[in-house]
Amino acid sequence: MATTSITIRMDENLKKQAEILFDDMGLNMTTAITMFTKAVVRQNKIPFEISADPFYSEENQRHLRKAIADLEAGRGEAHELIEVDE
């Protein structure tokens, strides 16, 4: 069976985390990606649920637009953003 190469881009930290996890499972990145791809082809779908981020829902976007308009009109209160490391 002929093989081919693919190139993908991903966050460096994500790649390192995945490599550590795959190594713990006795796999390398190529084998893990091949397993994923075979599951996609076999099941004819992504083999896990994918859902949209609720931040981008129309309801939330409407709420954000109203909050911005209120702030620009001098109503409401702006809060400082607190960043959390994941």
PDB file of N, CA and C in Angstrom:
ATOM      1  N   MET A   1       0.839  -1.172   0.000  1.00  0.00           N
ATOM      2  CA  MET A   1       0.000   0.000   0.000  1.00  0.00           C
ATOM      3  C   MET A   1       0.891   1.245   0.000  1.00  0.00           C
ATOM      4  N   ALA A   2       0.633   2.153  -0.903  1.00  0.00           N
ATOM      5  CA  ALA A   2       1.414   3.389  -1.000  1.00  0.00           C
ATOM      6  C   ALA A   2       1.013   4.328   0.131  1.00  0.00           C
ATOM      7  N   THR A   3       1.975   5.075   0.613  1.00  0.00           N
ATOM      8  CA  THR A   3       1.698   6.070   1.657  1.00  0.00           C
ATOM      9  C   THR A   3       2.006   7.460   1.118  1.00  0.00           C
ATOM     10  N   THR A   4       1.482   8.456   1.810  1.00  0.00           N
ATOM     11  CA  THR A   4       1.720   9.846   1.442  1.00  0.00           C
ATOM     12  C   THR A   4       1.941  10.645   2.711  1.00  0.00           C
ATOM     13  N   SER A   5       2.456  11.828   2.568  1.00  0.00           N
ATOM     14  CA  SER A   5       2.687  12.708   3.713  1.00  0.00           C
ATOM     15  C   SER A   5       1.668  13.832   3.722  1.00  0.00           C
ATOM     16  N   ILE A   6       1.316  14.279   4.926  1.00  0.00           N
ATOM     17  CA  ILE A   6       0.471  15.451   5.078  1.00  0.00           C
ATOM     18  C   ILE A   6       1.170  16.393   6.057  1.00  0.00           C
ATOM     19  N   THR A   7       0.871  17.664   5.940  1.00  0.00           N
ATOM     20  CA  THR A   7       1.405  18.659   6.860  1.00  0.00           C
ATOM     21  C   THR A   7       0.234  19.364   7.510  1.00  0.00           C
ATOM     22  N   ILE A   8       0.256  19.449   8.834  1.00  0.00           N
ATOM     23  CA  ILE A   8      -0.799  20.167   9.550  1.00  0.00           C
ATOM     24  C   ILE A   8      -0.148  21.174  10.485  1.00  0.00           C
ATOM     25  N   ARG A   9      -0.903  22.194  10.820  1.00  0.00           N
ATOM     26  CA  ARG A   9      -0.428  23.199  11.759  1.00  0.00           C
ATOM     27  C   ARG A   9      -1.318  23.143  12.989  1.00  0.00           C
ATOM     28  N   MET A  10      -0.695  23.210  14.165  1.00  0.00           N
ATOM     29  CA  MET A  10      -1.448  23.272  15.408  1.00  0.00           C
ATOM     30  C   MET A  10      -0.605  23.981  16.455  1.00  0.00           C
ATOM     31  N   ASP A  11      -1.245  24.388  17.499  1.00  0.00           N
ATOM     32  CA  ASP A  11      -0.577  25.046  18.610  1.00  0.00           C
ATOM     33  C   ASP A  11       0.539  24.141  19.142  1.00  0.00           C
ATOM     34  N   GLU A  12       1.703  24.714  19.355  1.00  0.00           N
ATOM     35  CA  GLU A  12       2.862  23.932  19.793  1.00  0.00           C
ATOM     36  C   GLU A  12       2.610  23.212  21.113  1.00  0.00           C
ATOM     37  N   ASN A  13       1.964  23.896  22.054  1.00  0.00           N
ATOM     38  CA  ASN A  13       1.689  23.289  23.355  1.00  0.00           C
ATOM     39  C   ASN A  13       0.707  22.127  23.219  1.00  0.00           C
ATOM     40  N   LEU A  14      -0.313  22.291  22.374  1.00  0.00           N
ATOM     41  CA  LEU A  14      -1.266  21.215  22.133  1.00  0.00           C
ATOM     42  C   LEU A  14      -0.557  19.991  21.562  1.00  0.00           C
ATOM     43  N   LYS A  15       0.345  20.211  20.612  1.00  0.00           N
ATOM     44  CA  LYS A  15       1.095  19.105  20.005  1.00  0.00           C
ATOM     45  C   LYS A  15       1.912  18.367  21.067  1.00  0.00           C
ATOM     46  N   LYS A  16       2.588  19.113  21.929  1.00  0.00           N
ATOM     47  CA  LYS A  16       3.398  18.488  22.981  1.00  0.00           C
ATOM     48  C   LYS A  16       2.526  17.667  23.926  1.00  0.00           C
ATOM     49  N   GLN A  17       1.377  18.225  24.308  1.00  0.00           N
ATOM     50  CA  GLN A  17       0.467  17.499  25.205  1.00  0.00           C
ATOM     51  C   GLN A  17      -0.031  16.216  24.548  1.00  0.00           C
ATOM     52  N   ALA A  18      -0.383  16.312  23.268  1.00  0.00           N
ATOM     53  CA  ALA A  18      -0.869  15.140  22.539  1.00  0.00           C
ATOM     54  C   ALA A  18       0.227  14.083  22.435  1.00  0.00           C
ATOM     55  N   GLU A  19       1.444  14.511  22.130  1.00  0.00           N
ATOM     56  CA  GLU A  19       2.548  13.552  22.004  1.00  0.00           C
ATOM     57  C   GLU A  19       2.787  12.815  23.321  1.00  0.00           C
ATOM     58  N   ILE A  20       2.698  13.521  24.437  1.00  0.00           N
ATOM     59  CA  ILE A  20       2.884  12.882  25.750  1.00  0.00           C
ATOM     60  C   ILE A  20       1.778  11.855  25.987  1.00  0.00           C
ATOM     61  N   LEU A  21       0.541  12.247  25.714  1.00  0.00           N
ATOM     62  CA  LEU A  21      -0.593  11.337  25.904  1.00  0.00           C
ATOM     63  C   LEU A  21      -0.481  10.120  24.983  1.00  0.00           C
ATOM     64  N   PHE A  22      -0.175  10.360  23.706  1.00  0.00           N
ATOM     65  CA  PHE A  22      -0.050   9.246  22.766  1.00  0.00           C
ATOM     66  C   PHE A  22       1.082   8.314  23.196  1.00  0.00           C
ATOM     67  N   ASP A  23       2.189   8.875  23.664  1.00  0.00           N
ATOM     68  CA  ASP A  23       3.309   8.056  24.123  1.00  0.00           C
ATOM     69  C   ASP A  23       2.877   7.169  25.290  1.00  0.00           C
ATOM     70  N   ASP A  24       2.089   7.735  26.207  1.00  0.00           N
ATOM     71  CA  ASP A  24       1.577   6.944  27.332  1.00  0.00           C
ATOM     72  C   ASP A  24       0.704   5.783  26.843  1.00  0.00           C
ATOM     73  N   MET A  25       0.087   5.955  25.672  1.00  0.00           N
ATOM     74  CA  MET A  25      -0.765   4.914  25.089  1.00  0.00           C
ATOM     75  C   MET A  25       0.018   3.973  24.170  1.00  0.00           C
ATOM     76  N   GLY A  26       1.319   4.238  24.019  1.00  0.00           N
ATOM     77  CA  GLY A  26       2.141   3.417  23.141  1.00  0.00           C
ATOM     78  C   GLY A  26       1.990   3.784  21.672  1.00  0.00           C
ATOM     79  N   LEU A  27       1.547   5.013  21.412  1.00  0.00           N
ATOM     80  CA  LEU A  27       1.328   5.477  20.041  1.00  0.00           C
ATOM     81  C   LEU A  27       2.258   6.646  19.735  1.00  0.00           C
ATOM     82  N   ASN A  28       2.415   6.922  18.446  1.00  0.00           N
ATOM     83  CA  ASN A  28       3.065   8.163  18.048  1.00  0.00           C
ATOM     84  C   ASN A  28       2.016   9.013  17.332  1.00  0.00           C
ATOM     85  N   MET A  29       2.374  10.225  16.976  1.00  0.00           N
ATOM     86  CA  MET A  29       1.426  11.145  16.358  1.00  0.00           C
ATOM     87  C   MET A  29       0.877  10.572  15.047  1.00  0.00           C
ATOM     88  N   THR A  30       1.746   9.986  14.226  1.00  0.00           N
ATOM     89  CA  THR A  30       1.302   9.434  12.946  1.00  0.00           C
ATOM     90  C   THR A  30       0.258   8.340  13.150  1.00  0.00           C
ATOM     91  N   THR A  31       0.519   7.433  14.063  1.00  0.00           N
ATOM     92  CA  THR A  31      -0.423   6.339  14.321  1.00  0.00           C
ATOM     93  C   THR A  31      -1.747   6.879  14.852  1.00  0.00           C
ATOM     94  N   ALA A  32      -1.692   7.833  15.772  1.00  0.00           N
ATOM     95  CA  ALA A  32      -2.916   8.393  16.347  1.00  0.00           C
ATOM     96  C   ALA A  32      -3.757   9.098  15.282  1.00  0.00           C
ATOM     97  N   ILE A  33      -3.113   9.896  14.433  1.00  0.00           N
ATOM     98  CA  ILE A  33      -3.842  10.602  13.366  1.00  0.00           C
ATOM     99  C   ILE A  33      -4.399   9.593  12.361  1.00  0.00           C
ATOM    100  N   THR A  34      -3.638   8.552  12.063  1.00  0.00           N
ATOM    101  CA  THR A  34      -4.127   7.512  11.157  1.00  0.00           C
ATOM    102  C   THR A  34      -5.347   6.811  11.756  1.00  0.00           C
ATOM    103  N   MET A  35      -5.310   6.503  13.051  1.00  0.00           N
ATOM    104  CA  MET A  35      -6.458   5.875  13.716  1.00  0.00           C
ATOM    105  C   MET A  35      -7.683   6.775  13.634  1.00  0.00           C
ATOM    106  N   PHE A  36      -7.492   8.061  13.895  1.00  0.00           N
ATOM    107  CA  PHE A  36      -8.604   9.020  13.809  1.00  0.00           C
ATOM    108  C   PHE A  36      -9.181   9.026  12.396  1.00  0.00           C
ATOM    109  N   THR A  37      -8.320   9.112  11.390  1.00  0.00           N
ATOM    110  CA  THR A  37      -8.768   9.181  10.005  1.00  0.00           C
ATOM    111  C   THR A  37      -9.504   7.907   9.594  1.00  0.00           C
ATOM    112  N   LYS A  38      -9.000   6.758  10.018  1.00  0.00           N
ATOM    113  CA  LYS A  38      -9.684   5.501   9.711  1.00  0.00           C
ATOM    114  C   LYS A  38     -11.069   5.457  10.353  1.00  0.00           C
ATOM    115  N   ALA A  39     -11.188   5.961  11.585  1.00  0.00           N
ATOM    116  CA  ALA A  39     -12.494   5.989  12.259  1.00  0.00           C
ATOM    117  C   ALA A  39     -13.460   6.904  11.510  1.00  0.00           C
ATOM    118  N   VAL A  40     -12.971   8.050  11.036  1.00  0.00           N
ATOM    119  CA  VAL A  40     -13.806   8.979  10.260  1.00  0.00           C
ATOM    120  C   VAL A  40     -14.320   8.284   9.003  1.00  0.00           C
ATOM    121  N   VAL A  41     -13.431   7.624   8.276  1.00  0.00           N
ATOM    122  CA  VAL A  41     -13.816   6.953   7.029  1.00  0.00           C
ATOM    123  C   VAL A  41     -14.771   5.791   7.320  1.00  0.00           C
ATOM    124  N   ARG A  42     -14.462   4.992   8.326  1.00  0.00           N
ATOM    125  CA  ARG A  42     -15.286   3.832   8.662  1.00  0.00           C
ATOM    126  C   ARG A  42     -16.699   4.247   9.088  1.00  0.00           C
ATOM    127  N   GLN A  43     -16.804   5.306   9.920  1.00  0.00           N
ATOM    128  CA  GLN A  43     -18.096   5.733  10.449  1.00  0.00           C
ATOM    129  C   GLN A  43     -18.778   6.769   9.557  1.00  0.00           C
ATOM    130  N   ASN A  44     -18.031   7.288   8.602  1.00  0.00           N
ATOM    131  CA  ASN A  44     -18.542   8.328   7.705  1.00  0.00           C
ATOM    132  C   ASN A  44     -18.984   9.568   8.483  1.00  0.00           C
ATOM    133  N   LYS A  45     -18.263   9.868   9.553  1.00  0.00           N
ATOM    134  CA  LYS A  45     -18.538  11.046  10.381  1.00  0.00           C
ATOM    135  C   LYS A  45     -17.368  11.256  11.328  1.00  0.00           C
ATOM    136  N   ILE A  46     -17.321  12.430  11.938  1.00  0.00           N
ATOM    137  CA  ILE A  46     -16.341  12.671  12.998  1.00  0.00           C
ATOM    138  C   ILE A  46     -16.751  11.773  14.168  1.00  0.00           C
ATOM    139  N   PRO A  47     -15.837  11.001  14.733  1.00  0.00           N
ATOM    140  CA  PRO A  47     -16.227   9.996  15.727  1.00  0.00           C
ATOM    141  C   PRO A  47     -16.469  10.543  17.142  1.00  0.00           C
ATOM    142  N   PHE A  48     -16.806  11.798  17.242  1.00  0.00           N
ATOM    143  CA  PHE A  48     -17.190  12.390  18.523  1.00  0.00           C
ATOM    144  C   PHE A  48     -18.057  13.598  18.233  1.00  0.00           C
ATOM    145  N   GLU A  49     -18.793  14.039  19.239  1.00  0.00           N
ATOM    146  CA  GLU A  49     -19.708  15.163  19.054  1.00  0.00           C
ATOM    147  C   GLU A  49     -18.942  16.477  18.952  1.00  0.00           C
ATOM    148  N   ILE A  50     -19.338  17.289  17.995  1.00  0.00           N
ATOM    149  CA  ILE A  50     -18.782  18.628  17.837  1.00  0.00           C
ATOM    150  C   ILE A  50     -19.940  19.604  17.970  1.00  0.00           C
ATOM    151  N   SER A  51     -19.779  20.591  18.827  1.00  0.00           N
ATOM    152  CA  SER A  51     -20.852  21.569  18.986  1.00  0.00           C
ATOM    153  C   SER A  51     -20.266  22.972  18.918  1.00  0.00           C
ATOM    154  N   ALA A  52     -21.119  23.893  18.555  1.00  0.00           N
ATOM    155  CA  ALA A  52     -20.685  25.280  18.422  1.00  0.00           C
ATOM    156  C   ALA A  52     -20.492  25.900  19.799  1.00  0.00           C
ATOM    157  N   ASP A  53     -19.552  26.813  19.878  1.00  0.00           N
ATOM    158  CA  ASP A  53     -19.315  27.559  21.100  1.00  0.00           C
ATOM    159  C   ASP A  53     -20.517  28.459  21.343  1.00  0.00           C
ATOM    160  N   PRO A  54     -21.180  28.348  22.510  1.00  0.00           N
ATOM    161  CA  PRO A  54     -22.372  29.164  22.770  1.00  0.00           C
ATOM    162  C   PRO A  54     -22.087  30.665  22.754  1.00  0.00           C
ATOM    163  N   PHE A  55     -20.825  31.054  22.877  1.00  0.00           N
ATOM    164  CA  PHE A  55     -20.485  32.476  22.812  1.00  0.00           C
ATOM    165  C   PHE A  55     -20.966  33.086  21.503  1.00  0.00           C
ATOM    166  N   TYR A  56     -20.905  32.302  20.420  1.00  0.00           N
ATOM    167  CA  TYR A  56     -21.235  32.817  19.095  1.00  0.00           C
ATOM    168  C   TYR A  56     -22.710  32.646  18.732  1.00  0.00           C
ATOM    169  N   SER A  57     -23.530  32.152  19.660  1.00  0.00           N
ATOM    170  CA  SER A  57     -24.955  31.983  19.357  1.00  0.00           C
ATOM    171  C   SER A  57     -25.582  33.350  19.096  1.00  0.00           C
ATOM    172  N   GLU A  58     -26.620  33.351  18.293  1.00  0.00           N
ATOM    173  CA  GLU A  58     -27.295  34.614  17.960  1.00  0.00           C
ATOM    174  C   GLU A  58     -27.834  35.289  19.219  1.00  0.00           C
ATOM    175  N   GLU A  59     -28.355  34.504  20.145  1.00  0.00           N
ATOM    176  CA  GLU A  59     -28.885  35.075  21.392  1.00  0.00           C
ATOM    177  C   GLU A  59     -27.789  35.805  22.168  1.00  0.00           C
ATOM    178  N   ASN A  60     -26.625  35.192  22.312  1.00  0.00           N
ATOM    179  CA  ASN A  60     -25.536  35.827  23.050  1.00  0.00           C
ATOM    180  C   ASN A  60     -25.000  37.046  22.304  1.00  0.00           C
ATOM    181  N   GLN A  61     -24.895  36.947  20.978  1.00  0.00           N
ATOM    182  CA  GLN A  61     -24.419  38.094  20.193  1.00  0.00           C
ATOM    183  C   GLN A  61     -25.370  39.271  20.335  1.00  0.00           C
ATOM    184  N   ARG A  62     -26.683  39.007  20.359  1.00  0.00           N
ATOM    185  CA  ARG A  62     -27.680  40.063  20.571  1.00  0.00           C
ATOM    186  C   ARG A  62     -27.471  40.721  21.934  1.00  0.00           C
ATOM    187  N   HIS A  63     -27.268  39.876  22.955  1.00  0.00           N
ATOM    188  CA  HIS A  63     -27.029  40.376  24.317  1.00  0.00           C
ATOM    189  C   HIS A  63     -25.771  41.257  24.358  1.00  0.00           C
ATOM    190  N   LEU A  64     -24.707  40.804  23.700  1.00  0.00           N
ATOM    191  CA  LEU A  64     -23.460  41.575  23.688  1.00  0.00           C
ATOM    192  C   LEU A  64     -23.619  42.905  22.954  1.00  0.00           C
ATOM    193  N   ARG A  65     -24.330  42.884  21.805  1.00  0.00           N
ATOM    194  CA  ARG A  65     -24.551  44.138  21.073  1.00  0.00           C
ATOM    195  C   ARG A  65     -25.339  45.136  21.922  1.00  0.00           C
ATOM    196  N   LYS A  66     -26.348  44.636  22.653  1.00  0.00           N
ATOM    197  CA  LYS A  66     -27.141  45.523  23.522  1.00  0.00           C
ATOM    198  C   LYS A  66     -26.270  46.077  24.646  1.00  0.00           C
ATOM    199  N   ALA A  67     -25.442  45.219  25.248  1.00  0.00           N
ATOM    200  CA  ALA A  67     -24.573  45.668  26.340  1.00  0.00           C
ATOM    201  C   ALA A  67     -23.590  46.719  25.839  1.00  0.00           C
ATOM    202  N   ILE A  68     -23.053  46.547  24.659  1.00  0.00           N
ATOM    203  CA  ILE A  68     -22.123  47.529  24.083  1.00  0.00           C
ATOM    204  C   ILE A  68     -22.842  48.841  23.828  1.00  0.00           C
ATOM    205  N   ALA A  69     -24.040  48.751  23.261  1.00  0.00           N
ATOM    206  CA  ALA A  69     -24.824  49.967  22.998  1.00  0.00           C
ATOM    207  C   ALA A  69     -25.133  50.689  24.306  1.00  0.00           C
ATOM    208  N   ASP A  70     -25.492  49.946  25.343  1.00  0.00           N
ATOM    209  CA  ASP A  70     -25.767  50.554  26.651  1.00  0.00           C
ATOM    210  C   ASP A  70     -24.530  51.261  27.193  1.00  0.00           C
ATOM    211  N   LEU A  71     -23.378  50.611  27.101  1.00  0.00           N
ATOM    212  CA  LEU A  71     -22.138  51.221  27.586  1.00  0.00           C
ATOM    213  C   LEU A  71     -21.799  52.484  26.796  1.00  0.00           C
ATOM    214  N   GLU A  72     -21.984  52.414  25.489  1.00  0.00           N
ATOM    215  CA  GLU A  72     -21.691  53.582  24.657  1.00  0.00           C
ATOM    216  C   GLU A  72     -22.652  54.730  24.943  1.00  0.00           C
ATOM    217  N   ALA A  73     -23.859  54.405  25.413  1.00  0.00           N
ATOM    218  CA  ALA A  73     -24.858  55.429  25.756  1.00  0.00           C
ATOM    219  C   ALA A  73     -24.708  55.890  27.200  1.00  0.00           C
ATOM    220  N   GLY A  74     -23.694  55.381  27.901  1.00  0.00           N
ATOM    221  CA  GLY A  74     -23.456  55.804  29.275  1.00  0.00           C
ATOM    222  C   GLY A  74     -24.266  55.034  30.300  1.00  0.00           C
ATOM    223  N   ARG A  75     -24.924  53.967  29.875  1.00  0.00           N
ATOM    224  CA  ARG A  75     -25.691  53.131  30.808  1.00  0.00           C
ATOM    225  C   ARG A  75     -24.882  51.872  31.094  1.00  0.00           C
ATOM    226  N   GLY A  76     -25.099  51.310  32.246  1.00  0.00           N
ATOM    227  CA  GLY A  76     -24.429  50.063  32.586  1.00  0.00           C
ATOM    228  C   GLY A  76     -23.071  50.311  33.219  1.00  0.00           C
ATOM    229  N   GLU A  77     -22.346  49.235  33.402  1.00  0.00           N
ATOM    230  CA  GLU A  77     -21.056  49.321  34.082  1.00  0.00           C
ATOM    231  C   GLU A  77     -20.063  48.392  33.398  1.00  0.00           C
ATOM    232  N   ALA A  78     -18.886  48.895  33.127  1.00  0.00           N
ATOM    233  CA  ALA A  78     -17.831  48.089  32.517  1.00  0.00           C
ATOM    234  C   ALA A  78     -17.017  47.437  33.631  1.00  0.00           C
ATOM    235  N   HIS A  79     -16.683  46.186  33.442  1.00  0.00           N
ATOM    236  CA  HIS A  79     -15.878  45.451  34.424  1.00  0.00           C
ATOM    237  C   HIS A  79     -14.550  45.096  33.773  1.00  0.00           C
ATOM    238  N   GLU A  80     -13.530  44.958  34.599  1.00  0.00           N
ATOM    239  CA  GLU A  80     -12.232  44.552  34.081  1.00  0.00           C
ATOM    240  C   GLU A  80     -12.251  43.069  33.774  1.00  0.00           C
ATOM    241  N   LEU A  81     -11.547  42.697  32.728  1.00  0.00           N
ATOM    242  CA  LEU A  81     -11.440  41.303  32.324  1.00  0.00           C
ATOM    243  C   LEU A  81     -10.416  40.605  33.215  1.00  0.00           C
ATOM    244  N   ILE A  82     -10.798  39.460  33.702  1.00  0.00           N
ATOM    245  CA  ILE A  82      -9.886  38.644  34.519  1.00  0.00           C
ATOM    246  C   ILE A  82      -9.450  37.484  33.650  1.00  0.00           C
ATOM    247  N   GLU A  83      -8.155  37.385  33.383  1.00  0.00           N
ATOM    248  CA  GLU A  83      -7.649  36.298  32.553  1.00  0.00           C
ATOM    249  C   GLU A  83      -7.268  35.125  33.430  1.00  0.00           C
ATOM    250  N   VAL A  84      -7.633  33.923  32.978  1.00  0.00           N
ATOM    251  CA  VAL A  84      -7.353  32.709  33.720  1.00  0.00           C
ATOM    252  C   VAL A  84      -6.505  31.818  32.835  1.00  0.00           C
ATOM    253  N   ASP A  85      -5.399  31.324  33.360  1.00  0.00           N
ATOM    254  CA  ASP A  85      -4.564  30.380  32.613  1.00  0.00           C
ATOM    255  C   ASP A  85      -5.207  29.009  32.670  1.00  0.00           C
ATOM    256  N   GLU A  86      -5.248  28.358  31.527  1.00  0.00           N
ATOM    257  CA  GLU A  86      -5.838  27.006  31.485  1.00  0.00           C
ATOM    258  C   GLU A  86      -4.798  25.963  31.657  1.00  0.00           C
TER     259      GLU A  86
END
